mmCIF file of all heavy atoms, coordinates in Angstrom:
data_MODEL
# 
_entry.id   MODEL 
# 
loop_
_atom_site.group_PDB 
_atom_site.id 
_atom_site.type_symbol 
_atom_site.label_atom_id 
_atom_site.label_alt_id 
_atom_site.label_comp_id 
_atom_site.label_asym_id 
_atom_site.label_entity_id 
_atom_site.label_seq_id 
_atom_site.pdbx_PDB_ins_code 
_atom_site.Cartn_x 
_atom_site.Cartn_y 
_atom_site.Cartn_z 
_atom_site.occupancy 
_atom_site.B_iso_or_equiv 
_atom_site.pdbx_formal_charge 
_atom_site.auth_seq_id 
_atom_site.auth_comp_id 
_atom_site.auth_asym_id 
_atom_site.auth_atom_id 
_atom_site.pdbx_PDB_model_num 
ATOM 1   N N   . CYS A 1 1  ? -65.224 8.713   2.156   1.00 0.00 ? 1  CYS A N   1 
ATOM 2   C CA  . CYS A 1 1  ? -64.948 7.316   1.958   1.00 0.00 ? 1  CYS A CA  1 
ATOM 3   C C   . CYS A 1 1  ? -63.615 7.272   1.104   1.00 0.00 ? 1  CYS A C   1 
ATOM 4   O O   . CYS A 1 1  ? -63.129 8.291   0.598   1.00 0.00 ? 1  CYS A O   1 
ATOM 5   C CB  . CYS A 1 1  ? -66.014 6.515   1.300   1.00 0.00 ? 1  CYS A CB  1 
ATOM 6   S SG  . CYS A 1 1  ? -66.268 6.971   -0.451  1.00 0.00 ? 1  CYS A SG  1 
ATOM 7   N N   . LYS A 1 2  ? -63.045 6.100   1.014   1.00 0.00 ? 2  LYS A N   1 
ATOM 8   C CA  . LYS A 1 2  ? -61.835 5.947   0.086   1.00 0.00 ? 2  LYS A CA  1 
ATOM 9   C C   . LYS A 1 2  ? -62.084 4.766   -0.749  1.00 0.00 ? 2  LYS A C   1 
ATOM 10  O O   . LYS A 1 2  ? -62.786 3.791   -0.461  1.00 0.00 ? 2  LYS A O   1 
ATOM 11  C CB  . LYS A 1 2  ? -60.678 5.658   1.103   1.00 0.00 ? 2  LYS A CB  1 
ATOM 12  C CG  . LYS A 1 2  ? -60.250 6.807   1.991   1.00 0.00 ? 2  LYS A CG  1 
ATOM 13  C CD  . LYS A 1 2  ? -59.061 6.555   2.785   1.00 0.00 ? 2  LYS A CD  1 
ATOM 14  C CE  . LYS A 1 2  ? -58.836 7.592   3.960   1.00 0.00 ? 2  LYS A CE  1 
ATOM 15  N NZ  . LYS A 1 2  ? -58.654 8.897   3.370   1.00 0.00 ? 2  LYS A NZ  1 
ATOM 16  N N   . VAL A 1 3  ? -61.586 4.897   -2.039  1.00 0.00 ? 3  VAL A N   1 
ATOM 17  C CA  . VAL A 1 3  ? -61.644 3.802   -3.021  1.00 0.00 ? 3  VAL A CA  1 
ATOM 18  C C   . VAL A 1 3  ? -60.250 3.450   -3.479  1.00 0.00 ? 3  VAL A C   1 
ATOM 19  O O   . VAL A 1 3  ? -59.415 4.334   -3.704  1.00 0.00 ? 3  VAL A O   1 
ATOM 20  C CB  . VAL A 1 3  ? -62.620 4.152   -4.153  1.00 0.00 ? 3  VAL A CB  1 
ATOM 21  C CG1 . VAL A 1 3  ? -64.013 4.447   -3.713  1.00 0.00 ? 3  VAL A CG1 1 
ATOM 22  C CG2 . VAL A 1 3  ? -62.047 5.340   -4.983  1.00 0.00 ? 3  VAL A CG2 1 
ATOM 23  N N   . ILE A 1 4  ? -59.978 2.166   -3.610  1.00 0.00 ? 4  ILE A N   1 
ATOM 24  C CA  . ILE A 1 4  ? -58.735 1.637   -3.997  1.00 0.00 ? 4  ILE A CA  1 
ATOM 25  C C   . ILE A 1 4  ? -58.921 0.719   -5.275  1.00 0.00 ? 4  ILE A C   1 
ATOM 26  O O   . ILE A 1 4  ? -59.515 -0.284  -5.203  1.00 0.00 ? 4  ILE A O   1 
ATOM 27  C CB  . ILE A 1 4  ? -58.077 0.913   -2.839  1.00 0.00 ? 4  ILE A CB  1 
ATOM 28  C CG1 . ILE A 1 4  ? -57.836 1.840   -1.667  1.00 0.00 ? 4  ILE A CG1 1 
ATOM 29  C CG2 . ILE A 1 4  ? -56.706 0.328   -3.345  1.00 0.00 ? 4  ILE A CG2 1 
ATOM 30  C CD1 . ILE A 1 4  ? -57.286 1.226   -0.444  1.00 0.00 ? 4  ILE A CD1 1 
ATOM 31  N N   . PHE A 1 5  ? -58.291 1.105   -6.373  1.00 0.00 ? 5  PHE A N   1 
ATOM 32  C CA  . PHE A 1 5  ? -58.255 0.272   -7.543  1.00 0.00 ? 5  PHE A CA  1 
ATOM 33  C C   . PHE A 1 5  ? -56.911 -0.545  -7.510  1.00 0.00 ? 5  PHE A C   1 
ATOM 34  O O   . PHE A 1 5  ? -55.849 -0.037  -7.241  1.00 0.00 ? 5  PHE A O   1 
ATOM 35  C CB  . PHE A 1 5  ? -58.251 1.093   -8.837  1.00 0.00 ? 5  PHE A CB  1 
ATOM 36  C CG  . PHE A 1 5  ? -59.492 1.758   -9.130  1.00 0.00 ? 5  PHE A CG  1 
ATOM 37  C CD1 . PHE A 1 5  ? -59.739 3.057   -8.701  1.00 0.00 ? 5  PHE A CD1 1 
ATOM 38  C CD2 . PHE A 1 5  ? -60.512 1.142   -9.765  1.00 0.00 ? 5  PHE A CD2 1 
ATOM 39  C CE1 . PHE A 1 5  ? -60.927 3.728   -8.985  1.00 0.00 ? 5  PHE A CE1 1 
ATOM 40  C CE2 . PHE A 1 5  ? -61.742 1.768   -10.110 1.00 0.00 ? 5  PHE A CE2 1 
ATOM 41  C CZ  . PHE A 1 5  ? -61.911 3.088   -9.713  1.00 0.00 ? 5  PHE A CZ  1 
ATOM 42  N N   . LEU A 1 6  ? -57.091 -1.868  -7.744  1.00 0.00 ? 6  LEU A N   1 
ATOM 43  C CA  . LEU A 1 6  ? -55.931 -2.753  -7.773  1.00 0.00 ? 6  LEU A CA  1 
ATOM 44  C C   . LEU A 1 6  ? -55.649 -3.403  -9.213  1.00 0.00 ? 6  LEU A C   1 
ATOM 45  O O   . LEU A 1 6  ? -54.978 -4.402  -9.282  1.00 0.00 ? 6  LEU A O   1 
ATOM 46  C CB  . LEU A 1 6  ? -56.153 -3.905  -6.764  1.00 0.00 ? 6  LEU A CB  1 
ATOM 47  C CG  . LEU A 1 6  ? -56.120 -3.465  -5.300  1.00 0.00 ? 6  LEU A CG  1 
ATOM 48  C CD1 . LEU A 1 6  ? -56.488 -4.665  -4.429  1.00 0.00 ? 6  LEU A CD1 1 
ATOM 49  C CD2 . LEU A 1 6  ? -54.857 -2.814  -4.882  1.00 0.00 ? 6  LEU A CD2 1 
ATOM 50  N N   . PHE A 1 7  ? -56.172 -2.742  -10.283 1.00 0.00 ? 7  PHE A N   1 
ATOM 51  C CA  . PHE A 1 7  ? -55.970 -3.313  -11.563 1.00 0.00 ? 7  PHE A CA  1 
ATOM 52  C C   . PHE A 1 7  ? -54.473 -3.302  -11.973 1.00 0.00 ? 7  PHE A C   1 
ATOM 53  O O   . PHE A 1 7  ? -53.992 -4.263  -12.671 1.00 0.00 ? 7  PHE A O   1 
ATOM 54  C CB  . PHE A 1 7  ? -56.833 -2.595  -12.607 1.00 0.00 ? 7  PHE A CB  1 
ATOM 55  C CG  . PHE A 1 7  ? -56.469 -1.184  -12.886 1.00 0.00 ? 7  PHE A CG  1 
ATOM 56  C CD1 . PHE A 1 7  ? -55.549 -0.824  -13.778 1.00 0.00 ? 7  PHE A CD1 1 
ATOM 57  C CD2 . PHE A 1 7  ? -57.189 -0.185  -12.158 1.00 0.00 ? 7  PHE A CD2 1 
ATOM 58  C CE1 . PHE A 1 7  ? -55.243 0.552   -13.991 1.00 0.00 ? 7  PHE A CE1 1 
ATOM 59  C CE2 . PHE A 1 7  ? -56.902 1.127   -12.404 1.00 0.00 ? 7  PHE A CE2 1 
ATOM 60  C CZ  . PHE A 1 7  ? -55.901 1.475   -13.316 1.00 0.00 ? 7  PHE A CZ  1 
ATOM 61  N N   . LYS A 1 8  ? -53.699 -2.334  -11.558 1.00 0.00 ? 8  LYS A N   1 
ATOM 62  C CA  . LYS A 1 8  ? -52.306 -2.291  -11.841 1.00 0.00 ? 8  LYS A CA  1 
ATOM 63  C C   . LYS A 1 8  ? -51.531 -3.502  -11.158 1.00 0.00 ? 8  LYS A C   1 
ATOM 64  O O   . LYS A 1 8  ? -50.677 -4.119  -11.815 1.00 0.00 ? 8  LYS A O   1 
ATOM 65  C CB  . LYS A 1 8  ? -51.666 -0.969  -11.390 1.00 0.00 ? 8  LYS A CB  1 
ATOM 66  C CG  . LYS A 1 8  ? -52.199 0.266   -12.144 1.00 0.00 ? 8  LYS A CG  1 
ATOM 67  C CD  . LYS A 1 8  ? -51.489 1.519   -11.595 1.00 0.00 ? 8  LYS A CD  1 
ATOM 68  C CE  . LYS A 1 8  ? -51.943 2.732   -12.396 1.00 0.00 ? 8  LYS A CE  1 
ATOM 69  N NZ  . LYS A 1 8  ? -51.293 4.016   -11.917 1.00 0.00 ? 8  LYS A NZ  1 
ATOM 70  N N   . PHE A 1 9  ? -51.895 -3.718  -9.941  1.00 0.00 ? 9  PHE A N   1 
ATOM 71  C CA  . PHE A 1 9  ? -51.321 -4.878  -9.207  1.00 0.00 ? 9  PHE A CA  1 
ATOM 72  C C   . PHE A 1 9  ? -51.673 -6.182  -9.934  1.00 0.00 ? 9  PHE A C   1 
ATOM 73  O O   . PHE A 1 9  ? -50.858 -7.008  -10.143 1.00 0.00 ? 9  PHE A O   1 
ATOM 74  C CB  . PHE A 1 9  ? -51.806 -4.873  -7.795  1.00 0.00 ? 9  PHE A CB  1 
ATOM 75  C CG  . PHE A 1 9  ? -51.648 -6.206  -7.153  1.00 0.00 ? 9  PHE A CG  1 
ATOM 76  C CD1 . PHE A 1 9  ? -50.437 -6.753  -6.749  1.00 0.00 ? 9  PHE A CD1 1 
ATOM 77  C CD2 . PHE A 1 9  ? -52.839 -6.879  -6.778  1.00 0.00 ? 9  PHE A CD2 1 
ATOM 78  C CE1 . PHE A 1 9  ? -50.371 -7.960  -6.115  1.00 0.00 ? 9  PHE A CE1 1 
ATOM 79  C CE2 . PHE A 1 9  ? -52.728 -8.103  -6.161  1.00 0.00 ? 9  PHE A CE2 1 
ATOM 80  C CZ  . PHE A 1 9  ? -51.523 -8.666  -5.833  1.00 0.00 ? 9  PHE A CZ  1 
ATOM 81  N N   . LEU A 1 10 ? -53.015 -6.301  -10.321 1.00 0.00 ? 10 LEU A N   1 
ATOM 82  C CA  . LEU A 1 10 ? -53.380 -7.544  -11.012 1.00 0.00 ? 10 LEU A CA  1 
ATOM 83  C C   . LEU A 1 10 ? -52.714 -7.707  -12.281 1.00 0.00 ? 10 LEU A C   1 
ATOM 84  O O   . LEU A 1 10 ? -52.247 -8.824  -12.615 1.00 0.00 ? 10 LEU A O   1 
ATOM 85  C CB  . LEU A 1 10 ? -54.897 -7.458  -11.238 1.00 0.00 ? 10 LEU A CB  1 
ATOM 86  C CG  . LEU A 1 10 ? -55.581 -8.584  -11.995 1.00 0.00 ? 10 LEU A CG  1 
ATOM 87  C CD1 . LEU A 1 10 ? -55.341 -9.896  -11.166 1.00 0.00 ? 10 LEU A CD1 1 
ATOM 88  C CD2 . LEU A 1 10 ? -56.981 -8.280  -12.263 1.00 0.00 ? 10 LEU A CD2 1 
ATOM 89  N N   . GLU A 1 11 ? -52.517 -6.609  -13.034 1.00 0.00 ? 11 GLU A N   1 
ATOM 90  C CA  . GLU A 1 11 ? -51.776 -6.708  -14.366 1.00 0.00 ? 11 GLU A CA  1 
ATOM 91  C C   . GLU A 1 11 ? -50.285 -7.118  -14.139 1.00 0.00 ? 11 GLU A C   1 
ATOM 92  O O   . GLU A 1 11 ? -49.811 -7.961  -14.966 1.00 0.00 ? 11 GLU A O   1 
ATOM 93  C CB  . GLU A 1 11 ? -51.805 -5.416  -15.126 1.00 0.00 ? 11 GLU A CB  1 
ATOM 94  C CG  . GLU A 1 11 ? -53.218 -5.132  -15.666 1.00 0.00 ? 11 GLU A CG  1 
ATOM 95  C CD  . GLU A 1 11 ? -53.342 -3.672  -16.319 1.00 0.00 ? 11 GLU A CD  1 
ATOM 96  O OE1 . GLU A 1 11 ? -52.492 -2.862  -16.031 1.00 0.00 ? 11 GLU A OE1 1 
ATOM 97  O OE2 . GLU A 1 11 ? -54.244 -3.528  -17.163 1.00 0.00 ? 11 GLU A OE2 1 
ATOM 98  N N   . ASP A 1 12 ? -49.733 -6.689  -13.100 1.00 0.00 ? 12 ASP A N   1 
ATOM 99  C CA  . ASP A 1 12 ? -48.392 -7.043  -12.861 1.00 0.00 ? 12 ASP A CA  1 
ATOM 100 C C   . ASP A 1 12 ? -48.255 -8.519  -12.448 1.00 0.00 ? 12 ASP A C   1 
ATOM 101 O O   . ASP A 1 12 ? -47.291 -9.191  -12.794 1.00 0.00 ? 12 ASP A O   1 
ATOM 102 C CB  . ASP A 1 12 ? -47.797 -6.122  -11.723 1.00 0.00 ? 12 ASP A CB  1 
ATOM 103 C CG  . ASP A 1 12 ? -46.341 -6.378  -11.441 1.00 0.00 ? 12 ASP A CG  1 
ATOM 104 O OD1 . ASP A 1 12 ? -45.515 -6.245  -12.374 1.00 0.00 ? 12 ASP A OD1 1 
ATOM 105 O OD2 . ASP A 1 12 ? -45.953 -6.757  -10.339 1.00 0.00 ? 12 ASP A OD2 1 
ATOM 106 N N   . GLU A 1 13 ? -49.180 -9.002  -11.676 1.00 0.00 ? 13 GLU A N   1 
ATOM 107 C CA  . GLU A 1 13 ? -49.312 -10.372 -11.226 1.00 0.00 ? 13 GLU A CA  1 
ATOM 108 C C   . GLU A 1 13 ? -49.413 -11.407 -12.446 1.00 0.00 ? 13 GLU A C   1 
ATOM 109 O O   . GLU A 1 13 ? -48.841 -12.410 -12.431 1.00 0.00 ? 13 GLU A O   1 
ATOM 110 C CB  . GLU A 1 13 ? -50.384 -10.613 -10.218 1.00 0.00 ? 13 GLU A CB  1 
ATOM 111 C CG  . GLU A 1 13 ? -50.099 -9.997  -8.872  1.00 0.00 ? 13 GLU A CG  1 
ATOM 112 C CD  . GLU A 1 13 ? -49.049 -10.923 -8.090  1.00 0.00 ? 13 GLU A CD  1 
ATOM 113 O OE1 . GLU A 1 13 ? -49.206 -12.119 -8.099  1.00 0.00 ? 13 GLU A OE1 1 
ATOM 114 O OE2 . GLU A 1 13 ? -48.099 -10.232 -7.563  1.00 0.00 ? 13 GLU A OE2 1 
ATOM 115 N N   . ILE A 1 14 ? -50.264 -11.037 -13.359 1.00 0.00 ? 14 ILE A N   1 
ATOM 116 C CA  . ILE A 1 14 ? -50.591 -11.953 -14.425 1.00 0.00 ? 14 ILE A CA  1 
ATOM 117 C C   . ILE A 1 14 ? -49.785 -11.574 -15.765 1.00 0.00 ? 14 ILE A C   1 
ATOM 118 O O   . ILE A 1 14 ? -50.024 -12.370 -16.755 1.00 0.00 ? 14 ILE A O   1 
ATOM 119 C CB  . ILE A 1 14 ? -52.036 -12.094 -14.709 1.00 0.00 ? 14 ILE A CB  1 
ATOM 120 C CG1 . ILE A 1 14 ? -52.625 -10.764 -15.250 1.00 0.00 ? 14 ILE A CG1 1 
ATOM 121 C CG2 . ILE A 1 14 ? -52.777 -12.534 -13.449 1.00 0.00 ? 14 ILE A CG2 1 
ATOM 122 C CD1 . ILE A 1 14 ? -54.195 -10.862 -15.539 1.00 0.00 ? 14 ILE A CD1 1 
ATOM 123 N N   . LYS A 1 15 ? -49.059 -10.564 -15.727 1.00 0.00 ? 15 LYS A N   1 
ATOM 124 C CA  . LYS A 1 15 ? -48.219 -10.140 -16.865 1.00 0.00 ? 15 LYS A CA  1 
ATOM 125 C C   . LYS A 1 15 ? -48.986 -9.873  -18.133 1.00 0.00 ? 15 LYS A C   1 
ATOM 126 O O   . LYS A 1 15 ? -48.487 -10.294 -19.188 1.00 0.00 ? 15 LYS A O   1 
ATOM 127 C CB  . LYS A 1 15 ? -47.086 -11.284 -17.091 1.00 0.00 ? 15 LYS A CB  1 
ATOM 128 C CG  . LYS A 1 15 ? -46.370 -11.693 -15.798 1.00 0.00 ? 15 LYS A CG  1 
ATOM 129 C CD  . LYS A 1 15 ? -45.664 -10.554 -15.146 1.00 0.00 ? 15 LYS A CD  1 
ATOM 130 C CE  . LYS A 1 15 ? -44.853 -10.990 -13.958 1.00 0.00 ? 15 LYS A CE  1 
ATOM 131 N NZ  . LYS A 1 15 ? -44.275 -9.870  -13.165 1.00 0.00 ? 15 LYS A NZ  1 
ATOM 132 N N   . LYS A 1 16 ? -50.181 -9.278  -18.004 1.00 0.00 ? 16 LYS A N   1 
ATOM 133 C CA  . LYS A 1 16 ? -50.918 -8.875  -19.197 1.00 0.00 ? 16 LYS A CA  1 
ATOM 134 C C   . LYS A 1 16 ? -51.894 -7.887  -18.781 1.00 0.00 ? 16 LYS A C   1 
ATOM 135 O O   . LYS A 1 16 ? -52.351 -7.798  -17.622 1.00 0.00 ? 16 LYS A O   1 
ATOM 136 C CB  . LYS A 1 16 ? -51.553 -10.078 -19.870 1.00 0.00 ? 16 LYS A CB  1 
ATOM 137 C CG  . LYS A 1 16 ? -52.586 -10.772 -19.029 1.00 0.00 ? 16 LYS A CG  1 
ATOM 138 C CD  . LYS A 1 16 ? -53.177 -12.016 -19.856 1.00 0.00 ? 16 LYS A CD  1 
ATOM 139 C CE  . LYS A 1 16 ? -54.130 -12.725 -19.104 1.00 0.00 ? 16 LYS A CE  1 
ATOM 140 N NZ  . LYS A 1 16 ? -54.694 -13.951 -19.739 1.00 0.00 ? 16 LYS A NZ  1 
ATOM 141 N N   . PRO A 1 17 ? -52.309 -6.971  -19.714 1.00 0.00 ? 17 PRO A N   1 
ATOM 142 C CA  . PRO A 1 17 ? -53.336 -5.961  -19.440 1.00 0.00 ? 17 PRO A CA  1 
ATOM 143 C C   . PRO A 1 17 ? -54.710 -6.526  -19.111 1.00 0.00 ? 17 PRO A C   1 
ATOM 144 O O   . PRO A 1 17 ? -55.025 -7.600  -19.742 1.00 0.00 ? 17 PRO A O   1 
ATOM 145 C CB  . PRO A 1 17 ? -53.390 -5.037  -20.600 1.00 0.00 ? 17 PRO A CB  1 
ATOM 146 C CG  . PRO A 1 17 ? -52.835 -5.956  -21.730 1.00 0.00 ? 17 PRO A CG  1 
ATOM 147 C CD  . PRO A 1 17 ? -51.876 -6.887  -21.100 1.00 0.00 ? 17 PRO A CD  1 
ATOM 148 N N   . VAL A 1 18 ? -55.389 -5.992  -18.173 1.00 0.00 ? 18 VAL A N   1 
ATOM 149 C CA  . VAL A 1 18 ? -56.803 -6.470  -17.862 1.00 0.00 ? 18 VAL A CA  1 
ATOM 150 C C   . VAL A 1 18 ? -57.772 -5.387  -18.267 1.00 0.00 ? 18 VAL A C   1 
ATOM 151 O O   . VAL A 1 18 ? -59.027 -5.636  -18.149 1.00 0.00 ? 18 VAL A O   1 
ATOM 152 C CB  . VAL A 1 18 ? -56.898 -6.897  -16.436 1.00 0.00 ? 18 VAL A CB  1 
ATOM 153 C CG1 . VAL A 1 18 ? -55.991 -8.111  -16.105 1.00 0.00 ? 18 VAL A CG1 1 
ATOM 154 C CG2 . VAL A 1 18 ? -56.604 -5.735  -15.435 1.00 0.00 ? 18 VAL A CG2 1 
ATOM 155 N N   . THR A 1 19 ? -57.344 -4.201  -18.525 1.00 0.00 ? 19 THR A N   1 
ATOM 156 C CA  . THR A 1 19 ? -58.247 -3.095  -18.797 1.00 0.00 ? 19 THR A CA  1 
ATOM 157 C C   . THR A 1 19 ? -57.723 -2.384  -19.990 1.00 0.00 ? 19 THR A C   1 
ATOM 158 O O   . THR A 1 19 ? -56.500 -2.357  -20.397 1.00 0.00 ? 19 THR A O   1 
ATOM 159 C CB  . THR A 1 19 ? -58.347 -2.059  -17.617 1.00 0.00 ? 19 THR A CB  1 
ATOM 160 O OG1 . THR A 1 19 ? -57.074 -1.551  -17.369 1.00 0.00 ? 19 THR A OG1 1 
ATOM 161 C CG2 . THR A 1 19 ? -58.915 -2.683  -16.387 1.00 0.00 ? 19 THR A CG2 1 
ATOM 162 N N   . HIS A 1 20 ? -58.674 -1.669  -20.693 1.00 0.00 ? 20 HIS A N   1 
ATOM 163 C CA  . HIS A 1 20 ? -58.312 -0.865  -21.870 1.00 0.00 ? 20 HIS A CA  1 
ATOM 164 C C   . HIS A 1 20 ? -57.515 0.336   -21.384 1.00 0.00 ? 20 HIS A C   1 
ATOM 165 O O   . HIS A 1 20 ? -57.760 0.885   -20.283 1.00 0.00 ? 20 HIS A O   1 
ATOM 166 C CB  . HIS A 1 20 ? -59.588 -0.433  -22.621 1.00 0.00 ? 20 HIS A CB  1 
ATOM 167 C CG  . HIS A 1 20 ? -59.402 0.028   -24.032 1.00 0.00 ? 20 HIS A CG  1 
ATOM 168 N ND1 . HIS A 1 20 ? -58.861 1.317   -24.218 1.00 0.00 ? 20 HIS A ND1 1 
ATOM 169 C CD2 . HIS A 1 20 ? -59.648 -0.514  -25.159 1.00 0.00 ? 20 HIS A CD2 1 
ATOM 170 C CE1 . HIS A 1 20 ? -58.863 1.473   -25.518 1.00 0.00 ? 20 HIS A CE1 1 
ATOM 171 N NE2 . HIS A 1 20 ? -59.267 0.433   -26.118 1.00 0.00 ? 20 HIS A NE2 1 
ATOM 172 N N   . LEU A 1 21 ? -56.695 0.920   -22.254 1.00 0.00 ? 21 LEU A N   1 
ATOM 173 C CA  . LEU A 1 21 ? -55.866 2.109   -21.930 1.00 0.00 ? 21 LEU A CA  1 
ATOM 174 C C   . LEU A 1 21 ? -56.815 3.275   -21.581 1.00 0.00 ? 21 LEU A C   1 
ATOM 175 O O   . LEU A 1 21 ? -56.596 4.020   -20.579 1.00 0.00 ? 21 LEU A O   1 
ATOM 176 C CB  . LEU A 1 21 ? -55.019 2.470   -23.133 1.00 0.00 ? 21 LEU A CB  1 
ATOM 177 C CG  . LEU A 1 21 ? -54.181 3.730   -22.921 1.00 0.00 ? 21 LEU A CG  1 
ATOM 178 C CD1 . LEU A 1 21 ? -53.226 3.559   -21.778 1.00 0.00 ? 21 LEU A CD1 1 
ATOM 179 C CD2 . LEU A 1 21 ? -53.437 4.101   -24.234 1.00 0.00 ? 21 LEU A CD2 1 
ATOM 180 N N   . ILE A 1 22 ? -57.980 3.354   -22.274 1.00 0.00 ? 22 ILE A N   1 
ATOM 181 C CA  . ILE A 1 22 ? -58.773 4.476   -21.979 1.00 0.00 ? 22 ILE A CA  1 
ATOM 182 C C   . ILE A 1 22 ? -59.521 4.364   -20.578 1.00 0.00 ? 22 ILE A C   1 
ATOM 183 O O   . ILE A 1 22 ? -59.958 5.296   -19.972 1.00 0.00 ? 22 ILE A O   1 
ATOM 184 C CB  . ILE A 1 22 ? -59.892 4.691   -23.102 1.00 0.00 ? 22 ILE A CB  1 
ATOM 185 C CG1 . ILE A 1 22 ? -60.453 6.089   -22.997 1.00 0.00 ? 22 ILE A CG1 1 
ATOM 186 C CG2 . ILE A 1 22 ? -60.961 3.571   -23.027 1.00 0.00 ? 22 ILE A CG2 1 
ATOM 187 C CD1 . ILE A 1 22 ? -61.225 6.488   -24.154 1.00 0.00 ? 22 ILE A CD1 1 
ATOM 188 N N   . PHE A 1 23 ? -59.596 3.087   -20.097 1.00 0.00 ? 23 PHE A N   1 
ATOM 189 C CA  . PHE A 1 23 ? -60.101 2.905   -18.717 1.00 0.00 ? 23 PHE A CA  1 
ATOM 190 C C   . PHE A 1 23 ? -59.128 3.621   -17.753 1.00 0.00 ? 23 PHE A C   1 
ATOM 191 O O   . PHE A 1 23 ? -59.597 4.189   -16.707 1.00 0.00 ? 23 PHE A O   1 
ATOM 192 C CB  . PHE A 1 23 ? -60.298 1.412   -18.373 1.00 0.00 ? 23 PHE A CB  1 
ATOM 193 C CG  . PHE A 1 23 ? -60.654 1.212   -16.907 1.00 0.00 ? 23 PHE A CG  1 
ATOM 194 C CD1 . PHE A 1 23 ? -61.888 1.426   -16.537 1.00 0.00 ? 23 PHE A CD1 1 
ATOM 195 C CD2 . PHE A 1 23 ? -59.655 0.752   -15.989 1.00 0.00 ? 23 PHE A CD2 1 
ATOM 196 C CE1 . PHE A 1 23 ? -62.257 1.157   -15.061 1.00 0.00 ? 23 PHE A CE1 1 
ATOM 197 C CE2 . PHE A 1 23 ? -59.941 0.566   -14.699 1.00 0.00 ? 23 PHE A CE2 1 
ATOM 198 C CZ  . PHE A 1 23 ? -61.221 0.793   -14.206 1.00 0.00 ? 23 PHE A CZ  1 
ATOM 199 N N   . LYS A 1 24 ? -57.895 3.443   -17.958 1.00 0.00 ? 24 LYS A N   1 
ATOM 200 C CA  . LYS A 1 24 ? -56.875 4.105   -17.054 1.00 0.00 ? 24 LYS A CA  1 
ATOM 201 C C   . LYS A 1 24 ? -57.030 5.597   -17.080 1.00 0.00 ? 24 LYS A C   1 
ATOM 202 O O   . LYS A 1 24 ? -56.869 6.247   -16.084 1.00 0.00 ? 24 LYS A O   1 
ATOM 203 C CB  . LYS A 1 24 ? -55.447 3.646   -17.545 1.00 0.00 ? 24 LYS A CB  1 
ATOM 204 C CG  . LYS A 1 24 ? -55.277 2.106   -17.347 1.00 0.00 ? 24 LYS A CG  1 
ATOM 205 C CD  . LYS A 1 24 ? -53.920 1.773   -17.822 1.00 0.00 ? 24 LYS A CD  1 
ATOM 206 C CE  . LYS A 1 24 ? -53.614 0.298   -17.551 1.00 0.00 ? 24 LYS A CE  1 
ATOM 207 N NZ  . LYS A 1 24 ? -54.550 -0.697  -18.269 1.00 0.00 ? 24 LYS A NZ  1 
ATOM 208 N N   . GLN A 1 25 ? -57.423 6.154   -18.314 1.00 0.00 ? 25 GLN A N   1 
ATOM 209 C CA  . GLN A 1 25 ? -57.663 7.583   -18.375 1.00 0.00 ? 25 GLN A CA  1 
ATOM 210 C C   . GLN A 1 25 ? -58.873 7.951   -17.517 1.00 0.00 ? 25 GLN A C   1 
ATOM 211 O O   . GLN A 1 25 ? -58.922 8.981   -16.911 1.00 0.00 ? 25 GLN A O   1 
ATOM 212 C CB  . GLN A 1 25 ? -57.941 7.987   -19.838 1.00 0.00 ? 25 GLN A CB  1 
ATOM 213 C CG  . GLN A 1 25 ? -56.740 7.760   -20.749 1.00 0.00 ? 25 GLN A CG  1 
ATOM 214 C CD  . GLN A 1 25 ? -57.031 8.060   -22.197 1.00 0.00 ? 25 GLN A CD  1 
ATOM 215 O OE1 . GLN A 1 25 ? -57.962 8.813   -22.530 1.00 0.00 ? 25 GLN A OE1 1 
ATOM 216 N NE2 . GLN A 1 25 ? -56.215 7.554   -23.157 1.00 0.00 ? 25 GLN A NE2 1 
ATOM 217 N N   . LEU A 1 26 ? -59.871 7.091   -17.538 1.00 0.00 ? 26 LEU A N   1 
ATOM 218 C CA  . LEU A 1 26 ? -61.060 7.303   -16.754 1.00 0.00 ? 26 LEU A CA  1 
ATOM 219 C C   . LEU A 1 26 ? -60.689 7.322   -15.272 1.00 0.00 ? 26 LEU A C   1 
ATOM 220 O O   . LEU A 1 26 ? -61.110 8.177   -14.546 1.00 0.00 ? 26 LEU A O   1 
ATOM 221 C CB  . LEU A 1 26 ? -62.143 6.210   -17.012 1.00 0.00 ? 26 LEU A CB  1 
ATOM 222 C CG  . LEU A 1 26 ? -63.311 6.159   -16.058 1.00 0.00 ? 26 LEU A CG  1 
ATOM 223 C CD1 . LEU A 1 26 ? -64.186 7.344   -16.130 1.00 0.00 ? 26 LEU A CD1 1 
ATOM 224 C CD2 . LEU A 1 26 ? -64.150 4.931   -16.396 1.00 0.00 ? 26 LEU A CD2 1 
ATOM 225 N N   . VAL A 1 27 ? -59.880 6.425   -14.811 1.00 0.00 ? 27 VAL A N   1 
ATOM 226 C CA  . VAL A 1 27 ? -59.527 6.341   -13.360 1.00 0.00 ? 27 VAL A CA  1 
ATOM 227 C C   . VAL A 1 27 ? -58.640 7.601   -13.062 1.00 0.00 ? 27 VAL A C   1 
ATOM 228 O O   . VAL A 1 27 ? -58.864 8.183   -11.968 1.00 0.00 ? 27 VAL A O   1 
ATOM 229 C CB  . VAL A 1 27 ? -58.761 5.009   -13.086 1.00 0.00 ? 27 VAL A CB  1 
ATOM 230 C CG1 . VAL A 1 27 ? -58.120 5.088   -11.728 1.00 0.00 ? 27 VAL A CG1 1 
ATOM 231 C CG2 . VAL A 1 27 ? -59.582 3.845   -13.310 1.00 0.00 ? 27 VAL A CG2 1 
ATOM 232 N N   . ASN A 1 28 ? -57.825 7.976   -13.922 1.00 0.00 ? 28 ASN A N   1 
ATOM 233 C CA  . ASN A 1 28 ? -56.951 9.199   -13.715 1.00 0.00 ? 28 ASN A CA  1 
ATOM 234 C C   . ASN A 1 28 ? -57.806 10.389  -13.490 1.00 0.00 ? 28 ASN A C   1 
ATOM 235 O O   . ASN A 1 28 ? -57.574 11.295  -12.641 1.00 0.00 ? 28 ASN A O   1 
ATOM 236 C CB  . ASN A 1 28 ? -55.939 9.405   -14.774 1.00 0.00 ? 28 ASN A CB  1 
ATOM 237 C CG  . ASN A 1 28 ? -54.845 8.338   -14.748 1.00 0.00 ? 28 ASN A CG  1 
ATOM 238 O OD1 . ASN A 1 28 ? -54.515 7.786   -13.671 1.00 0.00 ? 28 ASN A OD1 1 
ATOM 239 N ND2 . ASN A 1 28 ? -54.209 8.205   -15.848 1.00 0.00 ? 28 ASN A ND2 1 
# 
């Protein structure tokens, strides 16, 4: 299967972070 996170797109759209920095580490 494939999974797609769009939090980066969402943050760019609303011009503010929506997740904690460490969440991005988790995704990486």
